[in-house]
PDB file of all heavy atoms in Angstrom:
ATOM      1  N   TYR A   1       0.810  -1.216  -0.001  1.00  0.00           N
ATOM      2  CA  TYR A   1      -0.009   0.005  -0.013  1.00  0.00           C
ATOM      3  C   TYR A   1       0.870   1.270  -0.015  1.00  0.00           C
ATOM      4  O   TYR A   1       0.631   2.194  -0.785  1.00  0.00           O
ATOM      5  CB  TYR A   1      -0.892  -0.007   1.234  1.00  0.00           C
ATOM      6  CG  TYR A   1      -1.836   1.157   1.346  1.00  0.00           C
ATOM      7  CD1 TYR A   1      -3.057   1.165   0.719  1.00  0.00           C
ATOM      8  CD2 TYR A   1      -1.503   2.271   2.137  1.00  0.00           C
ATOM      9  CE1 TYR A   1      -3.964   2.255   0.850  1.00  0.00           C
ATOM     10  CE2 TYR A   1      -2.343   3.365   2.270  1.00  0.00           C
ATOM     11  CZ  TYR A   1      -3.569   3.349   1.628  1.00  0.00           C
ATOM     12  OH  TYR A   1      -4.412   4.409   1.748  1.00  0.00           O
ATOM     13  N   ILE A   2       1.884   1.315   0.848  1.00  0.00           N
ATOM     14  CA  ILE A   2       2.703   2.495   0.971  1.00  0.00           C
ATOM     15  C   ILE A   2       3.515   2.692  -0.310  1.00  0.00           C
ATOM     16  O   ILE A   2       3.694   3.836  -0.801  1.00  0.00           O
ATOM     17  CB  ILE A   2       3.649   2.391   2.177  1.00  0.00           C
ATOM     18  CG1 ILE A   2       2.820   2.443   3.474  1.00  0.00           C
ATOM     19  CG2 ILE A   2       4.684   3.499   2.171  1.00  0.00           C
ATOM     20  CD1 ILE A   2       2.068   3.725   3.704  1.00  0.00           C
ATOM     21  N   ILE A   3       4.048   1.626  -0.888  1.00  0.00           N
ATOM     22  CA  ILE A   3       4.812   1.752  -2.147  1.00  0.00           C
ATOM     23  C   ILE A   3       3.906   2.308  -3.261  1.00  0.00           C
ATOM     24  O   ILE A   3       4.322   3.153  -4.034  1.00  0.00           O
ATOM     25  CB  ILE A   3       5.426   0.406  -2.527  1.00  0.00           C
ATOM     26  CG1 ILE A   3       6.613   0.093  -1.606  1.00  0.00           C
ATOM     27  CG2 ILE A   3       5.937   0.461  -3.991  1.00  0.00           C
ATOM     28  CD1 ILE A   3       7.320  -1.203  -1.919  1.00  0.00           C
ATOM     29  N   GLU A   4       2.695   1.821  -3.310  1.00  0.00           N
ATOM     30  CA  GLU A   4       1.773   2.276  -4.330  1.00  0.00           C
ATOM     31  C   GLU A   4       1.444   3.768  -4.135  1.00  0.00           C
ATOM     32  O   GLU A   4       1.429   4.542  -5.097  1.00  0.00           O
ATOM     33  CB  GLU A   4       0.460   1.486  -4.294  1.00  0.00           C
ATOM     34  CG  GLU A   4      -0.531   1.824  -5.368  1.00  0.00           C
ATOM     35  CD  GLU A   4       0.024   1.645  -6.783  1.00  0.00           C
ATOM     36  OE1 GLU A   4       0.835   0.729  -6.987  1.00  0.00           O
ATOM     37  OE2 GLU A   4      -0.328   2.447  -7.674  1.00  0.00           O
ATOM     38  N   LYS A   5       1.264   4.192  -2.900  1.00  0.00           N
ATOM     39  CA  LYS A   5       0.994   5.582  -2.605  1.00  0.00           C
ATOM     40  C   LYS A   5       2.194   6.473  -2.924  1.00  0.00           C
ATOM     41  O   LYS A   5       2.032   7.646  -3.242  1.00  0.00           O
ATOM     42  CB  LYS A   5       0.616   5.748  -1.128  1.00  0.00           C
ATOM     43  CG  LYS A   5      -0.769   5.250  -0.757  1.00  0.00           C
ATOM     44  CD  LYS A   5      -1.844   6.110  -1.374  1.00  0.00           C
ATOM     45  CE  LYS A   5      -3.220   5.690  -0.940  1.00  0.00           C
ATOM     46  NZ  LYS A   5      -4.293   6.541  -1.536  1.00  0.00           N
ATOM     47  N   SER A   6       3.391   5.901  -2.856  1.00  0.00           N
ATOM     48  CA  SER A   6       4.633   6.659  -3.057  1.00  0.00           C
ATOM     49  C   SER A   6       5.176   6.484  -4.473  1.00  0.00           C
ATOM     50  O   SER A   6       6.278   7.020  -4.782  1.00  0.00           O
ATOM     51  CB  SER A   6       5.694   6.235  -2.033  1.00  0.00           C
ATOM     52  OG  SER A   6       5.211   6.283  -0.731  1.00  0.00           O
ATOM     53  N   ARG A   7       4.486   5.749  -5.297  1.00  0.00           N
ATOM     54  CA  ARG A   7       5.054   5.301  -6.560  1.00  0.00           C
ATOM     55  C   ARG A   7       5.572   6.445  -7.439  1.00  0.00           C
ATOM     56  O   ARG A   7       6.648   6.353  -8.008  1.00  0.00           O
ATOM     57  CB  ARG A   7       4.010   4.449  -7.326  1.00  0.00           C
ATOM     58  CG  ARG A   7       4.570   3.823  -8.583  1.00  0.00           C
ATOM     59  CD  ARG A   7       3.596   2.823  -9.190  1.00  0.00           C
ATOM     60  NE  ARG A   7       3.280   1.747  -8.244  1.00  0.00           N
ATOM     61  CZ  ARG A   7       4.075   0.705  -8.013  1.00  0.00           C
ATOM     62  NH1 ARG A   7       5.238   0.626  -8.641  1.00  0.00           N
ATOM     63  NH2 ARG A   7       3.708  -0.216  -7.175  1.00  0.00           N
ATOM     64  N   ASN A   8       4.789   7.503  -7.574  1.00  0.00           N
ATOM     65  CA  ASN A   8       5.221   8.598  -8.481  1.00  0.00           C
ATOM     66  C   ASN A   8       6.513   9.224  -8.037  1.00  0.00           C
ATOM     67  O   ASN A   8       7.448   9.446  -8.837  1.00  0.00           O
ATOM     68  CB  ASN A   8       4.097   9.642  -8.563  1.00  0.00           C
ATOM     69  CG  ASN A   8       2.905   9.149  -9.356  1.00  0.00           C
ATOM     70  OD1 ASN A   8       2.998   8.191 -10.125  1.00  0.00           O
ATOM     71  ND2 ASN A   8       1.745   9.778  -9.120  1.00  0.00           N
ATOM     72  N   ASP A   9       6.613   9.522  -6.739  1.00  0.00           N
ATOM     73  CA  ASP A   9       7.818  10.151  -6.228  1.00  0.00           C
ATOM     74  C   ASP A   9       9.028   9.210  -6.326  1.00  0.00           C
ATOM     75  O   ASP A   9      10.146   9.654  -6.655  1.00  0.00           O
ATOM     76  CB  ASP A   9       7.640  10.588  -4.768  1.00  0.00           C
ATOM     77  CG  ASP A   9       6.691  11.766  -4.623  1.00  0.00           C
ATOM     78  OD1 ASP A   9       6.527  12.510  -5.617  1.00  0.00           O
ATOM     79  OD2 ASP A   9       6.077  11.937  -3.565  1.00  0.00           O
ATOM     80  N   LEU A  10       8.789   7.942  -6.049  1.00  0.00           N
ATOM     81  CA  LEU A  10       9.895   6.980  -6.130  1.00  0.00           C
ATOM     82  C   LEU A  10      10.349   6.778  -7.566  1.00  0.00           C
ATOM     83  O   LEU A  10      11.553   6.618  -7.862  1.00  0.00           O
ATOM     84  CB  LEU A  10       9.466   5.643  -5.512  1.00  0.00           C
ATOM     85  CG  LEU A  10       9.177   5.664  -3.993  1.00  0.00           C
ATOM     86  CD1 LEU A  10       8.660   4.302  -3.550  1.00  0.00           C
ATOM     87  CD2 LEU A  10      10.451   6.011  -3.210  1.00  0.00           C
ATOM     88  N   GLN A  11       9.416   6.819  -8.493  1.00  0.00           N
ATOM     89  CA  GLN A  11       9.733   6.648  -9.887  1.00  0.00           C
ATOM     90  C   GLN A  11      10.586   7.813 -10.401  1.00  0.00           C
ATOM     91  O   GLN A  11      11.583   7.650 -11.150  1.00  0.00           O
ATOM     92  CB  GLN A  11       8.452   6.549 -10.750  1.00  0.00           C
ATOM     93  CG  GLN A  11       8.682   6.316 -12.252  1.00  0.00           C
ATOM     94  CD  GLN A  11       9.402   4.985 -12.513  1.00  0.00           C
ATOM     95  OE1 GLN A  11       9.136   3.999 -11.842  1.00  0.00           O
ATOM     96  NE2 GLN A  11      10.277   4.973 -13.480  1.00  0.00           N
ATOM     97  N   LYS A  12      10.257   9.014  -9.956  1.00  0.00           N
ATOM     98  CA  LYS A  12      11.058  10.176 -10.355  1.00  0.00           C
ATOM     99  C   LYS A  12      12.482  10.092  -9.821  1.00  0.00           C
ATOM    100  O   LYS A  12      13.437  10.420 -10.514  1.00  0.00           O
ATOM    101  CB  LYS A  12      10.379  11.441  -9.835  1.00  0.00           C
ATOM    102  CG  LYS A  12       9.073  11.798 -10.536  1.00  0.00           C
ATOM    103  CD  LYS A  12       8.434  13.018  -9.914  1.00  0.00           C
ATOM    104  CE  LYS A  12       7.075  13.338 -10.546  1.00  0.00           C
ATOM    105  NZ  LYS A  12       6.401  14.484  -9.907  1.00  0.00           N
ATOM    106  N   LEU A  13      12.613   9.611  -8.579  1.00  0.00           N
ATOM    107  CA  LEU A  13      13.963   9.443  -8.003  1.00  0.00           C
ATOM    108  C   LEU A  13      14.753   8.389  -8.762  1.00  0.00           C
ATOM    109  O   LEU A  13      15.948   8.540  -8.989  1.00  0.00           O
ATOM    110  CB  LEU A  13      13.839   9.068  -6.525  1.00  0.00           C
ATOM    111  CG  LEU A  13      13.496  10.181  -5.550  1.00  0.00           C
ATOM    112  CD1 LEU A  13      13.310   9.627  -4.150  1.00  0.00           C
ATOM    113  CD2 LEU A  13      14.614  11.238  -5.537  1.00  0.00           C
ATOM    114  N   SER A  14      14.067   7.304  -9.117  1.00  0.00           N
ATOM    115  CA  SER A  14      14.732   6.231  -9.837  1.00  0.00           C
ATOM    116  C   SER A  14      15.232   6.726 -11.193  1.00  0.00           C
ATOM    117  O   SER A  14      16.371   6.444 -11.612  1.00  0.00           O
ATOM    118  CB  SER A  14      13.798   5.048 -10.052  1.00  0.00           C
ATOM    119  OG  SER A  14      14.411   4.014 -10.773  1.00  0.00           O
ATOM    120  N   GLU A  15      14.434   7.493 -11.898  1.00  0.00           N
ATOM    121  CA  GLU A  15      14.821   8.030 -13.185  1.00  0.00           C
ATOM    122  C   GLU A  15      15.979   8.992 -13.018  1.00  0.00           C
ATOM    123  O   GLU A  15      16.941   8.999 -13.820  1.00  0.00           O
ATOM    124  CB  GLU A  15      13.623   8.713 -13.848  1.00  0.00           C
ATOM    125  CG  GLU A  15      12.517   7.737 -14.250  1.00  0.00           C
ATOM    126  CD  GLU A  15      11.265   8.451 -14.713  1.00  0.00           C
ATOM    127  OE1 GLU A  15      11.237   9.708 -14.663  1.00  0.00           O
ATOM    128  OE2 GLU A  15      10.305   7.764 -15.125  1.00  0.00           O
ATOM    129  N   SER A  16      15.931   9.815 -11.976  1.00  0.00           N
ATOM    130  CA  SER A  16      17.014  10.766 -11.745  1.00  0.00           C
ATOM    131  C   SER A  16      18.329  10.069 -11.416  1.00  0.00           C
ATOM    132  O   SER A  16      19.412  10.572 -11.761  1.00  0.00           O
ATOM    133  CB  SER A  16      16.619  11.689 -10.574  1.00  0.00           C
ATOM    134  OG  SER A  16      17.615  12.615 -10.285  1.00  0.00           O
ATOM    135  N   SER A  17      18.251   8.878 -10.811  1.00  0.00           N
ATOM    136  CA  SER A  17      19.453   8.110 -10.464  1.00  0.00           C
ATOM    137  C   SER A  17      20.019   7.334 -11.632  1.00  0.00           C
ATOM    138  O   SER A  17      21.029   6.655 -11.491  1.00  0.00           O
ATOM    139  CB  SER A  17      19.151   7.173  -9.327  1.00  0.00           C
ATOM    140  OG  SER A  17      18.399   6.047  -9.769  1.00  0.00           O
ATOM    141  N   GLY A  18      19.339   7.426 -12.781  1.00  0.00           N
ATOM    142  CA  GLY A  18      19.775   6.636 -13.928  1.00  0.00           C
ATOM    143  C   GLY A  18      19.312   5.201 -13.829  1.00  0.00           C
ATOM    144  O   GLY A  18      19.904   4.306 -14.456  1.00  0.00           O
ATOM    145  N   GLY A  19      18.253   4.972 -13.073  1.00  0.00           N
ATOM    146  CA  GLY A  19      17.705   3.608 -12.942  1.00  0.00           C
ATOM    147  C   GLY A  19      18.409   2.783 -11.906  1.00  0.00           C
ATOM    148  O   GLY A  19      18.059   1.600 -11.720  1.00  0.00           O
ATOM    149  N   VAL A  20      19.351   3.360 -11.160  1.00  0.00           N
ATOM    150  CA  VAL A  20      20.073   2.622 -10.157  1.00  0.00           C
ATOM    151  C   VAL A  20      19.198   2.375  -8.932  1.00  0.00           C
ATOM    152  O   VAL A  20      19.231   1.294  -8.343  1.00  0.00           O
ATOM    153  CB  VAL A  20      21.349   3.373  -9.749  1.00  0.00           C
ATOM    154  CG1 VAL A  20      22.010   2.724  -8.535  1.00  0.00           C
ATOM    155  CG2 VAL A  20      22.342   3.371 -10.931  1.00  0.00           C
ATOM    156  N   LEU A  21      18.465   3.369  -8.539  1.00  0.00           N
ATOM    157  CA  LEU A  21      17.603   3.251  -7.345  1.00  0.00           C
ATOM    158  C   LEU A  21      16.433   2.288  -7.597  1.00  0.00           C
ATOM    159  O   LEU A  21      15.736   2.387  -8.596  1.00  0.00           O
ATOM    160  CB  LEU A  21      17.062   4.619  -6.945  1.00  0.00           C
ATOM    161  CG  LEU A  21      16.071   4.629  -5.779  1.00  0.00           C
ATOM    162  CD1 LEU A  21      16.799   4.350  -4.461  1.00  0.00           C
ATOM    163  CD2 LEU A  21      15.318   5.935  -5.711  1.00  0.00           C
ATOM    164  N   LYS A  22      16.249   1.371  -6.660  1.00  0.00           N
ATOM    165  CA  LYS A  22      15.125   0.431  -6.714  1.00  0.00           C
ATOM    166  C   LYS A  22      14.504   0.307  -5.335  1.00  0.00           C
ATOM    167  O   LYS A  22      15.219   0.275  -4.327  1.00  0.00           O
ATOM    168  CB  LYS A  22      15.574  -0.954  -7.193  1.00  0.00           C
ATOM    169  CG  LYS A  22      16.108  -0.953  -8.640  1.00  0.00           C
ATOM    170  CD  LYS A  22      16.552  -2.340  -9.042  1.00  0.00           C
ATOM    171  CE  LYS A  22      17.097  -2.368 -10.480  1.00  0.00           C
ATOM    172  NZ  LYS A  22      17.539  -3.723 -10.881  1.00  0.00           N
ATOM    173  N   VAL A  23      13.197   0.246  -5.283  1.00  0.00           N
ATOM    174  CA  VAL A  23      12.492   0.001  -4.026  1.00  0.00           C
ATOM    175  C   VAL A  23      11.596  -1.182  -4.207  1.00  0.00           C
ATOM    176  O   VAL A  23      10.703  -1.172  -5.081  1.00  0.00           O
ATOM    177  CB  VAL A  23      11.656   1.232  -3.604  1.00  0.00           C
ATOM    178  CG1 VAL A  23      10.961   0.994  -2.263  1.00  0.00           C
ATOM    179  CG2 VAL A  23      12.526   2.491  -3.538  1.00  0.00           C
ATOM    180  N   ASP A  24      11.846  -2.237  -3.468  1.00  0.00           N
ATOM    181  CA  ASP A  24      11.150  -3.507  -3.678  1.00  0.00           C
ATOM    182  C   ASP A  24      10.332  -3.889  -2.465  1.00  0.00           C
ATOM    183  O   ASP A  24      10.645  -3.564  -1.329  1.00  0.00           O
ATOM    184  CB  ASP A  24      12.165  -4.621  -3.978  1.00  0.00           C
ATOM    185  CG  ASP A  24      12.907  -4.406  -5.275  1.00  0.00           C
ATOM    186  OD1 ASP A  24      12.228  -4.041  -6.264  1.00  0.00           O
ATOM    187  OD2 ASP A  24      14.122  -4.591  -5.300  1.00  0.00           O
ATOM    188  N   GLU A  25       9.253  -4.642  -2.736  1.00  0.00           N
ATOM    189  CA  GLU A  25       8.516  -5.305  -1.677  1.00  0.00           C
ATOM    190  C   GLU A  25       8.954  -6.791  -1.670  1.00  0.00           C
ATOM    191  O   GLU A  25       8.597  -7.529  -2.561  1.00  0.00           O
ATOM    192  CB  GLU A  25       7.003  -5.176  -1.907  1.00  0.00           C
ATOM    193  CG  GLU A  25       6.543  -5.490  -3.324  1.00  0.00           C
ATOM    194  CD  GLU A  25       5.023  -5.443  -3.455  1.00  0.00           C
ATOM    195  OE1 GLU A  25       4.344  -6.415  -3.096  1.00  0.00           O
ATOM    196  OE2 GLU A  25       4.533  -4.402  -3.951  1.00  0.00           O
ATOM    197  N   LEU A  26       9.725  -7.128  -0.674  1.00  0.00           N
ATOM    198  CA  LEU A  26      10.339  -8.459  -0.629  1.00  0.00           C
ATOM    199  C   LEU A  26       9.734  -9.284   0.510  1.00  0.00           C
ATOM    200  O   LEU A  26      10.454  -9.993   1.221  1.00  0.00           O
ATOM    201  CB  LEU A  26      11.851  -8.328  -0.452  1.00  0.00           C
ATOM    202  CG  LEU A  26      12.590  -7.545  -1.552  1.00  0.00           C
ATOM    203  CD1 LEU A  26      14.069  -7.441  -1.214  1.00  0.00           C
ATOM    204  CD2 LEU A  26      12.393  -8.198  -2.909  1.00  0.00           C
ATOM    205  N   ILE A  27       8.459  -9.208   0.665  1.00  0.00           N
ATOM    206  CA  ILE A  27       7.812  -9.881   1.791  1.00  0.00           C
ATOM    207  C   ILE A  27       7.456 -11.322   1.410  1.00  0.00           C
ATOM    208  O   ILE A  27       6.641 -11.564   0.535  1.00  0.00           O
ATOM    209  CB  ILE A  27       6.546  -9.149   2.224  1.00  0.00           C
ATOM    210  CG1 ILE A  27       6.819  -7.654   2.486  1.00  0.00           C
ATOM    211  CG2 ILE A  27       5.934  -9.780   3.447  1.00  0.00           C
ATOM    212  CD1 ILE A  27       7.817  -7.395   3.570  1.00  0.00           C
ATOM    213  N   ASP A  28       8.105 -12.276   2.074  1.00  0.00           N
ATOM    214  CA  ASP A  28       7.706 -13.668   1.943  1.00  0.00           C
ATOM    215  C   ASP A  28       8.081 -14.380   3.234  1.00  0.00           C
ATOM    216  O   ASP A  28       8.829 -13.836   4.085  1.00  0.00           O
ATOM    217  CB  ASP A  28       8.289 -14.344   0.720  1.00  0.00           C
ATOM    218  CG  ASP A  28       9.803 -14.306   0.683  1.00  0.00           C
ATOM    219  OD1 ASP A  28      10.413 -14.833   1.636  1.00  0.00           O
ATOM    220  OD2 ASP A  28      10.378 -13.789  -0.290  1.00  0.00           O
ATOM    221  N   SER A  29       7.605 -15.582   3.402  1.00  0.00           N
ATOM    222  CA  SER A  29       7.688 -16.259   4.712  1.00  0.00           C
ATOM    223  C   SER A  29       9.101 -16.533   5.185  1.00  0.00           C
ATOM    224  O   SER A  29       9.386 -16.530   6.391  1.00  0.00           O
ATOM    225  CB  SER A  29       6.888 -17.541   4.709  1.00  0.00           C
ATOM    226  OG  SER A  29       7.399 -18.434   3.708  1.00  0.00           O
ATOM    227  N   LYS A  30      10.028 -16.789   4.296  1.00  0.00           N
ATOM    228  CA  LYS A  30      11.416 -17.140   4.676  1.00  0.00           C
ATOM    229  C   LYS A  30      12.393 -15.988   4.454  1.00  0.00           C
ATOM    230  O   LYS A  30      13.610 -16.194   4.509  1.00  0.00           O
ATOM    231  CB  LYS A  30      11.883 -18.369   3.889  1.00  0.00           C
ATOM    232  CG  LYS A  30      10.999 -19.629   4.033  1.00  0.00           C
ATOM    233  CD  LYS A  30      10.970 -20.152   5.471  1.00  0.00           C
ATOM    234  CE  LYS A  30      10.329 -21.537   5.533  1.00  0.00           C
ATOM    235  NZ  LYS A  30       8.974 -21.624   5.032  1.00  0.00           N
ATOM    236  N   ARG A  31      11.900 -14.800   4.173  1.00  0.00           N
ATOM    237  CA  ARG A  31      12.776 -13.708   3.833  1.00  0.00           C
ATOM    238  C   ARG A  31      13.732 -13.379   4.976  1.00  0.00           C
ATOM    239  O   ARG A  31      13.374 -13.316   6.129  1.00  0.00           O
ATOM    240  CB  ARG A  31      11.927 -12.463   3.546  1.00  0.00           C
ATOM    241  CG  ARG A  31      12.718 -11.178   3.265  1.00  0.00           C
ATOM    242  CD  ARG A  31      13.542 -11.288   2.004  1.00  0.00           C
ATOM    243  NE  ARG A  31      12.730 -11.687   0.844  1.00  0.00           N
ATOM    244  CZ  ARG A  31      13.252 -11.877  -0.371  1.00  0.00           C
ATOM    245  NH1 ARG A  31      14.550 -11.750  -0.566  1.00  0.00           N
ATOM    246  NH2 ARG A  31      12.457 -12.236  -1.362  1.00  0.00           N
ATOM    247  N   ILE A  32      15.012 -13.174   4.613  1.00  0.00           N
ATOM    248  CA  ILE A  32      16.020 -12.759   5.569  1.00  0.00           C
ATOM    249  C   ILE A  32      16.498 -11.377   5.239  1.00  0.00           C
ATOM    250  O   ILE A  32      16.456 -10.962   4.063  1.00  0.00           O
ATOM    251  CB  ILE A  32      17.217 -13.733   5.634  1.00  0.00           C
ATOM    252  CG1 ILE A  32      17.894 -13.872   4.272  1.00  0.00           C
ATOM    253  CG2 ILE A  32      16.795 -15.090   6.181  1.00  0.00           C
ATOM    254  CD1 ILE A  32      19.154 -14.722   4.284  1.00  0.00           C
ATOM    255  N   PHE A  33      16.891 -10.614   6.254  1.00  0.00           N
ATOM    256  CA  PHE A  33      17.485  -9.311   6.025  1.00  0.00           C
ATOM    257  C   PHE A  33      18.635  -9.079   7.002  1.00  0.00           C
ATOM    258  O   PHE A  33      18.828  -9.866   7.929  1.00  0.00           O
ATOM    259  CB  PHE A  33      16.461  -8.167   6.058  1.00  0.00           C
ATOM    260  CG  PHE A  33      15.579  -8.111   7.278  1.00  0.00           C
ATOM    261  CD1 PHE A  33      15.911  -8.698   8.491  1.00  0.00           C
ATOM    262  CD2 PHE A  33      14.375  -7.383   7.222  1.00  0.00           C
ATOM    263  CE1 PHE A  33      15.092  -8.599   9.596  1.00  0.00           C
ATOM    264  CE2 PHE A  33      13.556  -7.280   8.336  1.00  0.00           C
ATOM    265  CZ  PHE A  33      13.940  -7.897   9.524  1.00  0.00           C
ATOM    266  N   THR A  34      19.395  -8.035   6.788  1.00  0.00           N
ATOM    267  CA  THR A  34      20.602  -7.817   7.547  1.00  0.00           C
ATOM    268  C   THR A  34      20.316  -7.474   9.023  1.00  0.00           C
ATOM    269  O   THR A  34      19.412  -6.661   9.291  1.00  0.00           O
ATOM    270  CB  THR A  34      21.410  -6.656   6.928  1.00  0.00           C
ATOM    271  OG1 THR A  34      21.534  -6.857   5.520  1.00  0.00           O
ATOM    272  CG2 THR A  34      22.791  -6.579   7.543  1.00  0.00           C
ATOM    273  N   ALA A  35      21.068  -8.080   9.908  1.00  0.00           N
ATOM    274  CA  ALA A  35      20.940  -7.765  11.326  1.00  0.00           C
ATOM    275  C   ALA A  35      21.696  -6.487  11.637  1.00  0.00           C
ATOM    276  O   ALA A  35      22.716  -6.171  10.985  1.00  0.00           O
ATOM    277  CB  ALA A  35      21.500  -8.918  12.155  1.00  0.00           C
ATOM    278  N   PRO A  36      21.259  -5.726  12.631  1.00  0.00           N
ATOM    279  CA  PRO A  36      21.974  -4.513  13.047  1.00  0.00           C
ATOM    280  C   PRO A  36      23.406  -4.799  13.382  1.00  0.00           C
ATOM    281  O   PRO A  36      23.745  -5.796  14.027  1.00  0.00           O
ATOM    282  CB  PRO A  36      21.183  -4.039  14.258  1.00  0.00           C
ATOM    283  CG  PRO A  36      19.804  -4.584  14.068  1.00  0.00           C
ATOM    284  CD  PRO A  36      20.023  -5.910  13.418  1.00  0.00           C
ATOM    285  N   LEU A  37      24.312  -3.915  12.944  1.00  0.00           N
ATOM    286  CA  LEU A  37      25.750  -3.969  13.208  1.00  0.00           C
ATOM    287  C   LEU A  37      26.480  -5.134  12.507  1.00  0.00           C
ATOM    288  O   LEU A  37      27.644  -5.406  12.805  1.00  0.00           O
ATOM    289  CB  LEU A  37      26.052  -3.917  14.697  1.00  0.00           C
ATOM    290  CG  LEU A  37      25.667  -2.625  15.411  1.00  0.00           C
ATOM    291  CD1 LEU A  37      26.086  -2.636  16.853  1.00  0.00           C
ATOM    292  CD2 LEU A  37      26.233  -1.408  14.678  1.00  0.00           C
TER     293      LEU A  37
END
């Protein structure tokens, strides 16, 4: 929901970065992410 609401602004930033910037929804049951520190 939040990504959809922010889509236009995020798309502009991505284009400005030359397509380097990406914002993904990576929600799944076994998803891992980096621990602090």
